[in-house]
Amino acid sequence: MTTPEAPRPLRIAVIGLAGAGKSTCATLIEEFARDKGLAHARVKLATPLYDLQAEVYRRAGGSLAAGAQDQVLMEALADAMRRIRPESLADDFTARLAAVDADLVVNDDLRDPHVDAPALRAHGFRILRVTCDEELRQTRLAGRGDPSRADRSTREIDLITPDAVLDNGSDLHTYRSAVHELLGSWL
């Protein structure tokens, strides 16, 4: 007699340019999971970078608003970690992922197509690309409280092949419907 396998968790990495709506998408994915009674978790690749950013600001005597990103600093920190050991961020991520017990896992900060994307794919992640009009993206970025902005980390985002692409150029209701419809097809 065979024992049925437990269903694999649905793992989704949301990619896109800054301001496209990745974090909003991740929140909508979590909302979908709650509505379906699914245990869910958001696991970030950049957790070590956020920790280091906080330490740099603390040591420098600077202040950083909660949730703000000094994108220039974050890129420099990522470059340094990858120079020391290219798989450092992916390995840290997969170690944290192994401790997660959830039916649905979402990541909203995948950018690297060379090491990180293959690592996430190897752990069963589907890739969802979020896009929007450039003017709208710039308007959203201008409204954030980030002390610096940089797009270098997403320069090669097109090298990551998505399983699906959603446009986030409309209202939140339309975006929510599109996200929930896609997730329904992936369950």
N, C-alpha and C. Protein backbone atom coordinates (compact mmCIF):
# COMPACT_ATOMS: atom_id res chain seq x y z
N MET A 1 0.84 -1.17 0.00
CA MET A 1 0.00 0.00 0.00
C MET A 1 0.89 1.24 0.00
N THR A 2 0.57 2.16 -0.87
CA THR A 2 1.37 3.39 -0.94
C THR A 2 0.69 4.49 -0.16
N THR A 3 1.51 5.31 0.42
CA THR A 3 1.01 6.46 1.16
C THR A 3 0.96 7.65 0.21
N PRO A 4 -0.17 8.33 0.14
CA PRO A 4 -0.22 9.49 -0.76
C PRO A 4 0.76 10.55 -0.30
N GLU A 5 1.41 11.16 -1.28
CA GLU A 5 2.36 12.22 -0.97
C GLU A 5 1.60 13.47 -0.53
N ALA A 6 2.19 14.16 0.41
CA ALA A 6 1.61 15.44 0.82
C ALA A 6 1.76 16.41 -0.34
N PRO A 7 0.77 17.26 -0.56
CA PRO A 7 0.89 18.22 -1.66
C PRO A 7 2.07 19.16 -1.43
N ARG A 8 2.76 19.44 -2.51
CA ARG A 8 3.88 20.39 -2.43
C ARG A 8 3.34 21.78 -2.19
N PRO A 9 4.05 22.55 -1.39
CA PRO A 9 3.58 23.92 -1.21
C PRO A 9 3.70 24.69 -2.53
N LEU A 10 2.81 25.62 -2.72
CA LEU A 10 2.90 26.52 -3.87
C LEU A 10 3.91 27.58 -3.51
N ARG A 11 4.94 27.70 -4.32
CA ARG A 11 6.01 28.67 -4.09
C ARG A 11 6.06 29.62 -5.28
N ILE A 12 5.99 30.91 -4.98
CA ILE A 12 5.92 31.92 -6.03
C ILE A 12 6.95 33.00 -5.76
N ALA A 13 7.76 33.30 -6.77
CA ALA A 13 8.67 34.45 -6.71
C ALA A 13 8.11 35.52 -7.63
N VAL A 14 7.86 36.68 -7.07
CA VAL A 14 7.32 37.81 -7.82
C VAL A 14 8.49 38.69 -8.23
N ILE A 15 8.64 38.92 -9.54
CA ILE A 15 9.74 39.74 -10.04
C ILE A 15 9.19 40.95 -10.78
N GLY A 16 10.04 41.95 -10.93
CA GLY A 16 9.68 43.15 -11.68
C GLY A 16 10.56 44.29 -11.25
N LEU A 17 10.43 45.39 -11.94
CA LEU A 17 11.21 46.58 -11.61
C LEU A 17 10.66 47.22 -10.34
N ALA A 18 11.50 47.99 -9.67
CA ALA A 18 11.06 48.72 -8.49
C ALA A 18 9.87 49.60 -8.85
N GLY A 19 8.83 49.55 -8.03
CA GLY A 19 7.64 50.35 -8.28
C GLY A 19 6.60 49.68 -9.16
N ALA A 20 6.89 48.48 -9.66
CA ALA A 20 5.93 47.79 -10.52
C ALA A 20 4.76 47.21 -9.73
N GLY A 21 5.00 46.93 -8.45
CA GLY A 21 3.93 46.37 -7.63
C GLY A 21 4.20 44.99 -7.10
N LYS A 22 5.49 44.64 -6.91
CA LYS A 22 5.84 43.31 -6.40
C LYS A 22 5.34 43.10 -4.97
N SER A 23 5.59 44.06 -4.11
CA SER A 23 5.16 43.91 -2.71
C SER A 23 3.65 43.89 -2.60
N THR A 24 2.98 44.71 -3.40
CA THR A 24 1.52 44.68 -3.42
C THR A 24 1.04 43.32 -3.88
N CYS A 25 1.68 42.77 -4.90
CA CYS A 25 1.32 41.45 -5.40
C CYS A 25 1.52 40.40 -4.31
N ALA A 26 2.64 40.47 -3.60
CA ALA A 26 2.90 39.51 -2.52
C ALA A 26 1.82 39.61 -1.45
N THR A 27 1.40 40.81 -1.14
CA THR A 27 0.33 41.01 -0.16
C THR A 27 -0.98 40.41 -0.66
N LEU A 28 -1.26 40.57 -1.95
CA LEU A 28 -2.47 39.99 -2.54
C LEU A 28 -2.40 38.46 -2.55
N ILE A 29 -1.20 37.91 -2.74
CA ILE A 29 -1.02 36.46 -2.68
C ILE A 29 -1.29 35.97 -1.26
N GLU A 30 -0.79 36.70 -0.27
CA GLU A 30 -1.05 36.33 1.12
C GLU A 30 -2.55 36.43 1.44
N GLU A 31 -3.20 37.44 0.90
CA GLU A 31 -4.65 37.60 1.07
C GLU A 31 -5.39 36.39 0.49
N PHE A 32 -4.97 35.97 -0.71
CA PHE A 32 -5.55 34.80 -1.36
C PHE A 32 -5.40 33.57 -0.47
N ALA A 33 -4.19 33.39 0.07
CA ALA A 33 -3.92 32.23 0.93
C ALA A 33 -4.84 32.26 2.16
N ARG A 34 -4.96 33.41 2.79
CA ARG A 34 -5.85 33.54 3.96
C ARG A 34 -7.30 33.18 3.59
N ASP A 35 -7.75 33.70 2.44
CA ASP A 35 -9.12 33.43 1.99
C ASP A 35 -9.36 31.94 1.76
N LYS A 36 -8.32 31.22 1.35
CA LYS A 36 -8.42 29.79 1.07
C LYS A 36 -8.08 28.93 2.28
N GLY A 37 -7.74 29.57 3.39
CA GLY A 37 -7.37 28.82 4.59
C GLY A 37 -6.00 28.16 4.50
N LEU A 38 -5.12 28.73 3.69
CA LEU A 38 -3.78 28.17 3.50
C LEU A 38 -2.78 28.87 4.41
N ALA A 39 -1.93 28.08 5.04
CA ALA A 39 -0.82 28.67 5.79
C ALA A 39 0.13 29.29 4.77
N HIS A 40 0.64 30.48 5.07
CA HIS A 40 1.47 31.18 4.10
C HIS A 40 2.63 31.88 4.79
N ALA A 41 3.65 32.16 3.99
CA ALA A 41 4.82 32.87 4.51
C ALA A 41 5.46 33.66 3.38
N ARG A 42 6.04 34.80 3.74
CA ARG A 42 6.83 35.59 2.80
C ARG A 42 8.28 35.44 3.23
N VAL A 43 9.12 34.97 2.31
CA VAL A 43 10.53 34.76 2.61
C VAL A 43 11.33 35.61 1.63
N LYS A 44 12.15 36.50 2.17
CA LYS A 44 12.91 37.43 1.34
C LYS A 44 14.35 36.95 1.15
N LEU A 45 14.83 37.07 -0.07
CA LEU A 45 16.25 36.82 -0.35
C LEU A 45 17.12 37.85 0.34
N ALA A 46 16.65 39.07 0.41
CA ALA A 46 17.48 40.19 0.88
C ALA A 46 17.48 40.37 2.39
N THR A 47 16.97 39.42 3.15
CA THR A 47 16.98 39.57 4.61
C THR A 47 18.36 39.93 5.14
N PRO A 48 19.43 39.26 4.70
CA PRO A 48 20.76 39.65 5.21
C PRO A 48 21.12 41.08 4.82
N LEU A 49 20.66 41.53 3.66
CA LEU A 49 20.96 42.89 3.22
C LEU A 49 20.22 43.91 4.07
N TYR A 50 18.97 43.62 4.43
CA TYR A 50 18.23 44.52 5.32
C TYR A 50 18.91 44.60 6.68
N ASP A 51 19.37 43.45 7.17
CA ASP A 51 20.08 43.44 8.46
C ASP A 51 21.35 44.28 8.39
N LEU A 52 22.11 44.11 7.31
CA LEU A 52 23.35 44.88 7.14
C LEU A 52 23.06 46.36 6.94
N GLN A 53 22.02 46.68 6.18
CA GLN A 53 21.63 48.08 5.97
C GLN A 53 21.34 48.75 7.32
N ALA A 54 20.59 48.07 8.17
CA ALA A 54 20.26 48.62 9.49
C ALA A 54 21.53 48.85 10.31
N GLU A 55 22.46 47.91 10.23
CA GLU A 55 23.70 48.04 10.98
C GLU A 55 24.55 49.19 10.44
N VAL A 56 24.62 49.34 9.13
CA VAL A 56 25.39 50.44 8.54
C VAL A 56 24.80 51.78 8.99
N TYR A 57 23.49 51.92 8.93
CA TYR A 57 22.85 53.16 9.35
C TYR A 57 23.07 53.41 10.85
N ARG A 58 22.99 52.35 11.65
CA ARG A 58 23.22 52.50 13.08
C ARG A 58 24.64 52.97 13.35
N ARG A 59 25.61 52.32 12.70
CA ARG A 59 27.02 52.67 12.89
C ARG A 59 27.33 54.07 12.38
N ALA A 60 26.64 54.47 11.31
CA ALA A 60 26.87 55.79 10.73
C ALA A 60 26.11 56.89 11.49
N GLY A 61 25.27 56.48 12.42
CA GLY A 61 24.49 57.46 13.17
C GLY A 61 23.37 58.07 12.37
N GLY A 62 22.96 57.37 11.31
CA GLY A 62 21.88 57.86 10.46
C GLY A 62 20.55 57.24 10.84
N SER A 63 19.50 57.81 10.32
CA SER A 63 18.17 57.24 10.58
C SER A 63 17.57 56.76 9.26
N LEU A 64 16.82 55.70 9.37
CA LEU A 64 16.18 55.10 8.20
C LEU A 64 14.76 54.73 8.61
N ALA A 65 13.80 55.24 7.87
CA ALA A 65 12.39 54.95 8.18
C ALA A 65 12.13 53.45 8.05
N ALA A 66 11.23 52.95 8.86
CA ALA A 66 10.86 51.53 8.81
C ALA A 66 10.42 51.17 7.40
N GLY A 67 10.98 50.10 6.86
CA GLY A 67 10.62 49.64 5.53
C GLY A 67 11.31 50.35 4.38
N ALA A 68 12.06 51.41 4.68
CA ALA A 68 12.75 52.15 3.61
C ALA A 68 13.96 51.36 3.14
N GLN A 69 14.31 51.57 1.88
CA GLN A 69 15.47 50.91 1.29
C GLN A 69 16.43 51.96 0.75
N ASP A 70 17.65 51.89 1.20
CA ASP A 70 18.72 52.67 0.58
C ASP A 70 19.24 51.78 -0.54
N GLN A 71 18.65 51.94 -1.72
CA GLN A 71 18.91 50.99 -2.80
C GLN A 71 20.36 50.99 -3.25
N VAL A 72 21.01 52.15 -3.21
CA VAL A 72 22.43 52.20 -3.58
C VAL A 72 23.24 51.36 -2.59
N LEU A 73 22.96 51.52 -1.30
CA LEU A 73 23.64 50.74 -0.28
C LEU A 73 23.31 49.26 -0.42
N MET A 74 22.06 48.93 -0.62
CA MET A 74 21.65 47.52 -0.75
C MET A 74 22.35 46.85 -1.92
N GLU A 75 22.48 47.55 -3.05
CA GLU A 75 23.20 46.98 -4.19
C GLU A 75 24.66 46.76 -3.86
N ALA A 76 25.28 47.72 -3.17
CA ALA A 76 26.69 47.58 -2.79
C ALA A 76 26.88 46.40 -1.84
N LEU A 77 25.97 46.24 -0.90
CA LEU A 77 26.06 45.11 0.04
C LEU A 77 25.88 43.78 -0.69
N ALA A 78 24.92 43.72 -1.60
CA ALA A 78 24.72 42.50 -2.38
C ALA A 78 25.94 42.18 -3.22
N ASP A 79 26.52 43.21 -3.84
CA ASP A 79 27.74 43.01 -4.64
C ASP A 79 28.86 42.44 -3.77
N ALA A 80 29.02 43.00 -2.58
CA ALA A 80 30.09 42.54 -1.68
C ALA A 80 29.87 41.09 -1.27
N MET A 81 28.65 40.75 -0.90
CA MET A 81 28.37 39.36 -0.51
C MET A 81 28.59 38.40 -1.67
N ARG A 82 28.17 38.80 -2.86
CA ARG A 82 28.34 37.92 -4.02
C ARG A 82 29.80 37.83 -4.45
N ARG A 83 30.57 38.90 -4.23
CA ARG A 83 32.00 38.85 -4.54
C ARG A 83 32.69 37.85 -3.61
N ILE A 84 32.33 37.88 -2.35
CA ILE A 84 32.92 36.97 -1.37
C ILE A 84 32.50 35.53 -1.66
N ARG A 85 31.22 35.32 -1.92
CA ARG A 85 30.70 33.99 -2.23
C ARG A 85 29.40 34.15 -3.00
N PRO A 86 29.43 33.89 -4.30
CA PRO A 86 28.28 34.16 -5.17
C PRO A 86 26.95 33.58 -4.68
N GLU A 87 27.00 32.43 -4.04
CA GLU A 87 25.74 31.81 -3.62
C GLU A 87 25.33 32.16 -2.19
N SER A 88 25.98 33.15 -1.60
CA SER A 88 25.72 33.48 -0.19
C SER A 88 24.26 33.86 0.07
N LEU A 89 23.67 34.70 -0.75
CA LEU A 89 22.28 35.11 -0.53
C LEU A 89 21.31 33.95 -0.79
N ALA A 90 21.56 33.19 -1.85
CA ALA A 90 20.69 32.05 -2.16
C ALA A 90 20.78 30.99 -1.06
N ASP A 91 21.98 30.73 -0.56
CA ASP A 91 22.13 29.72 0.50
C ASP A 91 21.45 30.16 1.79
N ASP A 92 21.58 31.44 2.13
CA ASP A 92 20.90 31.96 3.31
C ASP A 92 19.39 31.83 3.15
N PHE A 93 18.90 32.16 1.96
CA PHE A 93 17.47 32.07 1.67
C PHE A 93 16.98 30.63 1.81
N THR A 94 17.68 29.68 1.19
CA THR A 94 17.20 28.29 1.22
C THR A 94 17.26 27.71 2.62
N ALA A 95 18.22 28.15 3.44
CA ALA A 95 18.27 27.70 4.83
C ALA A 95 17.04 28.20 5.59
N ARG A 96 16.67 29.45 5.37
CA ARG A 96 15.47 30.00 6.03
C ARG A 96 14.21 29.36 5.47
N LEU A 97 14.19 29.09 4.16
CA LEU A 97 13.04 28.45 3.52
C LEU A 97 12.79 27.07 4.11
N ALA A 98 13.86 26.34 4.41
CA ALA A 98 13.72 24.98 4.96
C ALA A 98 12.99 24.98 6.30
N ALA A 99 13.03 26.08 7.00
CA ALA A 99 12.37 26.17 8.31
C ALA A 99 10.91 26.60 8.21
N VAL A 100 10.44 26.88 6.99
CA VAL A 100 9.08 27.37 6.79
C VAL A 100 8.13 26.20 6.55
N ASP A 101 7.05 26.18 7.31
CA ASP A 101 6.01 25.17 7.12
C ASP A 101 4.75 25.91 6.67
N ALA A 102 4.56 25.98 5.36
CA ALA A 102 3.44 26.73 4.81
C ALA A 102 2.95 26.08 3.52
N ASP A 103 1.67 26.27 3.24
CA ASP A 103 1.09 25.76 2.00
C ASP A 103 1.46 26.64 0.81
N LEU A 104 1.72 27.91 1.09
CA LEU A 104 2.04 28.88 0.05
C LEU A 104 3.17 29.77 0.56
N VAL A 105 4.23 29.85 -0.23
CA VAL A 105 5.38 30.69 0.11
C VAL A 105 5.56 31.70 -1.02
N VAL A 106 5.75 32.95 -0.65
CA VAL A 106 5.96 34.00 -1.65
C VAL A 106 7.28 34.71 -1.36
N ASN A 107 7.98 35.02 -2.43
CA ASN A 107 9.19 35.84 -2.38
C ASN A 107 8.96 37.01 -3.31
N ASP A 108 9.31 38.22 -2.88
CA ASP A 108 9.05 39.39 -3.72
C ASP A 108 10.29 40.23 -3.98
N ASP A 109 11.48 39.62 -3.86
CA ASP A 109 12.69 40.42 -4.10
C ASP A 109 13.76 39.68 -4.90
N LEU A 110 13.35 38.73 -5.74
CA LEU A 110 14.29 38.05 -6.63
C LEU A 110 14.71 39.00 -7.74
N ARG A 111 16.02 39.13 -7.94
CA ARG A 111 16.54 40.00 -9.01
C ARG A 111 17.64 39.33 -9.83
N ASP A 112 18.42 38.49 -9.19
CA ASP A 112 19.60 37.91 -9.83
C ASP A 112 19.24 36.69 -10.68
N PRO A 113 19.51 36.76 -12.00
CA PRO A 113 19.16 35.63 -12.86
C PRO A 113 20.21 34.51 -12.87
N HIS A 114 21.39 34.79 -12.36
CA HIS A 114 22.51 33.84 -12.53
C HIS A 114 22.62 32.81 -11.41
N VAL A 115 22.43 33.21 -10.17
CA VAL A 115 22.56 32.30 -9.03
C VAL A 115 21.23 32.15 -8.29
N ASP A 116 20.63 33.28 -7.94
CA ASP A 116 19.43 33.24 -7.11
C ASP A 116 18.23 32.63 -7.83
N ALA A 117 17.98 33.04 -9.07
CA ALA A 117 16.82 32.50 -9.80
C ALA A 117 16.92 30.99 -9.97
N PRO A 118 18.07 30.45 -10.41
CA PRO A 118 18.16 28.99 -10.50
C PRO A 118 17.96 28.29 -9.14
N ALA A 119 18.44 28.92 -8.07
CA ALA A 119 18.26 28.32 -6.74
C ALA A 119 16.78 28.27 -6.36
N LEU A 120 16.06 29.34 -6.64
CA LEU A 120 14.63 29.34 -6.33
C LEU A 120 13.88 28.34 -7.20
N ARG A 121 14.23 28.28 -8.47
CA ARG A 121 13.60 27.30 -9.37
C ARG A 121 13.85 25.88 -8.85
N ALA A 122 15.07 25.62 -8.39
CA ALA A 122 15.42 24.29 -7.88
C ALA A 122 14.60 23.93 -6.64
N HIS A 123 14.07 24.94 -5.97
CA HIS A 123 13.24 24.71 -4.79
C HIS A 123 11.74 24.86 -5.10
N GLY A 124 11.40 24.74 -6.38
CA GLY A 124 10.00 24.67 -6.78
C GLY A 124 9.27 25.98 -6.95
N PHE A 125 9.99 27.09 -7.04
CA PHE A 125 9.32 28.38 -7.20
C PHE A 125 8.87 28.59 -8.64
N ARG A 126 7.65 29.09 -8.79
CA ARG A 126 7.16 29.60 -10.06
C ARG A 126 7.47 31.09 -10.07
N ILE A 127 7.71 31.61 -11.26
CA ILE A 127 8.08 33.02 -11.39
C ILE A 127 6.90 33.79 -11.97
N LEU A 128 6.49 34.83 -11.25
CA LEU A 128 5.42 35.72 -11.68
C LEU A 128 6.02 37.10 -11.88
N ARG A 129 5.97 37.57 -13.11
CA ARG A 129 6.50 38.91 -13.41
C ARG A 129 5.37 39.93 -13.36
N VAL A 130 5.64 41.04 -12.69
CA VAL A 130 4.70 42.15 -12.59
C VAL A 130 5.24 43.31 -13.40
N THR A 131 4.39 43.89 -14.23
CA THR A 131 4.79 45.02 -15.07
C THR A 131 3.80 46.16 -14.88
N CYS A 132 4.21 47.33 -15.29
CA CYS A 132 3.30 48.48 -15.37
C CYS A 132 3.96 49.52 -16.27
N ASP A 133 3.19 50.48 -16.66
CA ASP A 133 3.66 51.59 -17.48
C ASP A 133 4.79 52.33 -16.76
N GLU A 134 5.81 52.75 -17.50
CA GLU A 134 6.98 53.41 -16.90
C GLU A 134 6.61 54.70 -16.17
N GLU A 135 5.71 55.48 -16.72
CA GLU A 135 5.32 56.73 -16.06
C GLU A 135 4.66 56.44 -14.70
N LEU A 136 3.81 55.44 -14.67
CA LEU A 136 3.16 55.04 -13.41
C LEU A 136 4.20 54.53 -12.42
N ARG A 137 5.14 53.74 -12.89
CA ARG A 137 6.20 53.21 -12.03
C ARG A 137 7.00 54.35 -11.40
N GLN A 138 7.36 55.34 -12.20
CA GLN A 138 8.13 56.48 -11.68
C GLN A 138 7.31 57.28 -10.67
N THR A 139 6.02 57.42 -10.91
CA THR A 139 5.14 58.11 -9.96
C THR A 139 5.11 57.37 -8.62
N ARG A 140 5.00 56.05 -8.68
CA ARG A 140 5.00 55.25 -7.45
C ARG A 140 6.32 55.39 -6.71
N LEU A 141 7.42 55.34 -7.43
CA LEU A 141 8.74 55.46 -6.80
C LEU A 141 8.90 56.81 -6.12
N ALA A 142 8.40 57.85 -6.76
CA ALA A 142 8.52 59.20 -6.19
C ALA A 142 7.76 59.31 -4.87
N GLY A 143 6.74 58.48 -4.70
CA GLY A 143 5.94 58.53 -3.48
C GLY A 143 6.49 57.70 -2.33
N ARG A 144 7.54 56.94 -2.59
CA ARG A 144 8.14 56.13 -1.53
C ARG A 144 9.15 56.95 -0.75
N GLY A 145 9.46 56.50 0.43
CA GLY A 145 10.40 57.24 1.28
C GLY A 145 11.82 56.70 1.22
N ASP A 146 12.21 56.11 0.11
CA ASP A 146 13.56 55.55 0.01
C ASP A 146 14.60 56.66 -0.07
N PRO A 147 15.70 56.55 0.71
CA PRO A 147 16.72 57.60 0.68
C PRO A 147 17.54 57.62 -0.61
N SER A 148 17.55 56.50 -1.33
CA SER A 148 18.24 56.47 -2.63
C SER A 148 17.54 55.46 -3.51
N ARG A 149 17.68 55.65 -4.82
CA ARG A 149 17.10 54.73 -5.78
C ARG A 149 18.17 54.28 -6.75
N ALA A 150 18.06 53.02 -7.16
CA ALA A 150 18.99 52.46 -8.14
C ALA A 150 18.28 51.33 -8.87
N ASP A 151 18.54 51.21 -10.14
CA ASP A 151 17.92 50.16 -10.94
C ASP A 151 18.92 49.11 -11.42
N ARG A 152 20.20 49.23 -11.01
CA ARG A 152 21.20 48.31 -11.51
C ARG A 152 20.88 46.85 -11.16
N SER A 153 20.32 46.63 -9.98
CA SER A 153 20.06 45.26 -9.54
C SER A 153 19.00 44.56 -10.39
N THR A 154 18.19 45.32 -11.11
CA THR A 154 17.16 44.71 -11.95
C THR A 154 17.49 44.80 -13.44
N ARG A 155 18.71 45.20 -13.74
CA ARG A 155 19.10 45.37 -15.14
C ARG A 155 18.96 44.08 -15.95
N GLU A 156 19.17 42.93 -15.32
CA GLU A 156 19.11 41.66 -16.03
C GLU A 156 17.84 40.87 -15.71
N ILE A 157 16.83 41.55 -15.24
CA ILE A 157 15.59 40.88 -14.84
C ILE A 157 14.95 40.12 -16.02
N ASP A 158 15.17 40.62 -17.24
CA ASP A 158 14.60 39.96 -18.42
C ASP A 158 15.21 38.59 -18.68
N LEU A 159 16.34 38.28 -18.04
CA LEU A 159 16.95 36.96 -18.20
C LEU A 159 16.24 35.89 -17.37
N ILE A 160 15.35 36.32 -16.49
CA ILE A 160 14.56 35.37 -15.69
C ILE A 160 13.26 35.12 -16.44
N THR A 161 13.06 33.89 -16.89
CA THR A 161 11.87 33.55 -17.65
C THR A 161 10.68 33.36 -16.70
N PRO A 162 9.64 34.17 -16.88
CA PRO A 162 8.48 34.04 -15.99
C PRO A 162 7.54 32.92 -16.43
N ASP A 163 6.81 32.38 -15.47
CA ASP A 163 5.74 31.43 -15.77
C ASP A 163 4.46 32.17 -16.12
N ALA A 164 4.36 33.39 -15.65
CA ALA A 164 3.19 34.23 -15.94
C ALA A 164 3.60 35.69 -15.81
N VAL A 165 2.88 36.55 -16.51
CA VAL A 165 3.11 38.00 -16.44
C VAL A 165 1.77 38.67 -16.16
N LEU A 166 1.76 39.56 -15.17
CA LEU A 166 0.56 40.33 -14.85
C LEU A 166 0.88 41.81 -14.97
N ASP A 167 -0.07 42.55 -15.54
CA ASP A 167 0.07 44.00 -15.63
C ASP A 167 -0.58 44.64 -14.40
N ASN A 168 0.14 45.53 -13.77
CA ASN A 168 -0.37 46.25 -12.60
C ASN A 168 -0.57 47.72 -12.94
N GLY A 169 -1.19 47.97 -14.06
CA GLY A 169 -1.38 49.35 -14.49
C GLY A 169 -2.78 49.87 -14.26
N SER A 170 -3.61 49.09 -13.61
CA SER A 170 -5.00 49.50 -13.40
C SER A 170 -5.23 49.72 -11.91
N ASP A 171 -6.47 49.62 -11.50
CA ASP A 171 -6.81 49.83 -10.09
C ASP A 171 -6.54 48.56 -9.28
N LEU A 172 -6.57 48.70 -7.96
CA LEU A 172 -6.26 47.59 -7.05
C LEU A 172 -7.25 46.45 -7.20
N HIS A 173 -8.52 46.74 -7.40
CA HIS A 173 -9.53 45.69 -7.56
C HIS A 173 -9.21 44.81 -8.77
N THR A 174 -8.86 45.44 -9.89
CA THR A 174 -8.53 44.70 -11.10
C THR A 174 -7.27 43.86 -10.90
N TYR A 175 -6.27 44.45 -10.24
CA TYR A 175 -5.02 43.75 -9.95
C TYR A 175 -5.28 42.55 -9.04
N ARG A 176 -6.06 42.76 -7.98
CA ARG A 176 -6.40 41.67 -7.05
C ARG A 176 -7.07 40.53 -7.81
N SER A 177 -8.03 40.86 -8.65
CA SER A 177 -8.75 39.83 -9.41
C SER A 177 -7.80 39.03 -10.29
N ALA A 178 -6.88 39.72 -10.96
CA ALA A 178 -5.92 39.04 -11.83
C ALA A 178 -5.00 38.12 -11.03
N VAL A 179 -4.51 38.60 -9.89
CA VAL A 179 -3.63 37.79 -9.04
C VAL A 179 -4.39 36.56 -8.53
N HIS A 180 -5.59 36.75 -8.02
CA HIS A 180 -6.36 35.64 -7.47
C HIS A 180 -6.74 34.63 -8.55
N GLU A 181 -7.08 35.11 -9.74
CA GLU A 181 -7.40 34.19 -10.84
C GLU A 181 -6.19 33.34 -11.21
N LEU A 182 -5.03 33.97 -11.31
CA LEU A 182 -3.81 33.22 -11.64
C LEU A 182 -3.52 32.18 -10.57
N LEU A 183 -3.58 32.57 -9.31
CA LEU A 183 -3.28 31.64 -8.23
C LEU A 183 -4.26 30.48 -8.22
N GLY A 184 -5.52 30.75 -8.51
CA GLY A 184 -6.51 29.68 -8.59
C GLY A 184 -6.13 28.65 -9.64
N SER A 185 -5.54 29.11 -10.74
CA SER A 185 -5.13 28.19 -11.80
C SER A 185 -3.86 27.42 -11.42
N TRP A 186 -3.09 27.94 -10.47
CA TRP A 186 -1.85 27.28 -10.05
C TRP A 186 -2.05 26.30 -8.91
N LEU A 187 -3.19 26.35 -8.25
CA LEU A 187 -3.43 25.42 -7.13
C LEU A 187 -3.83 24.05 -7.63
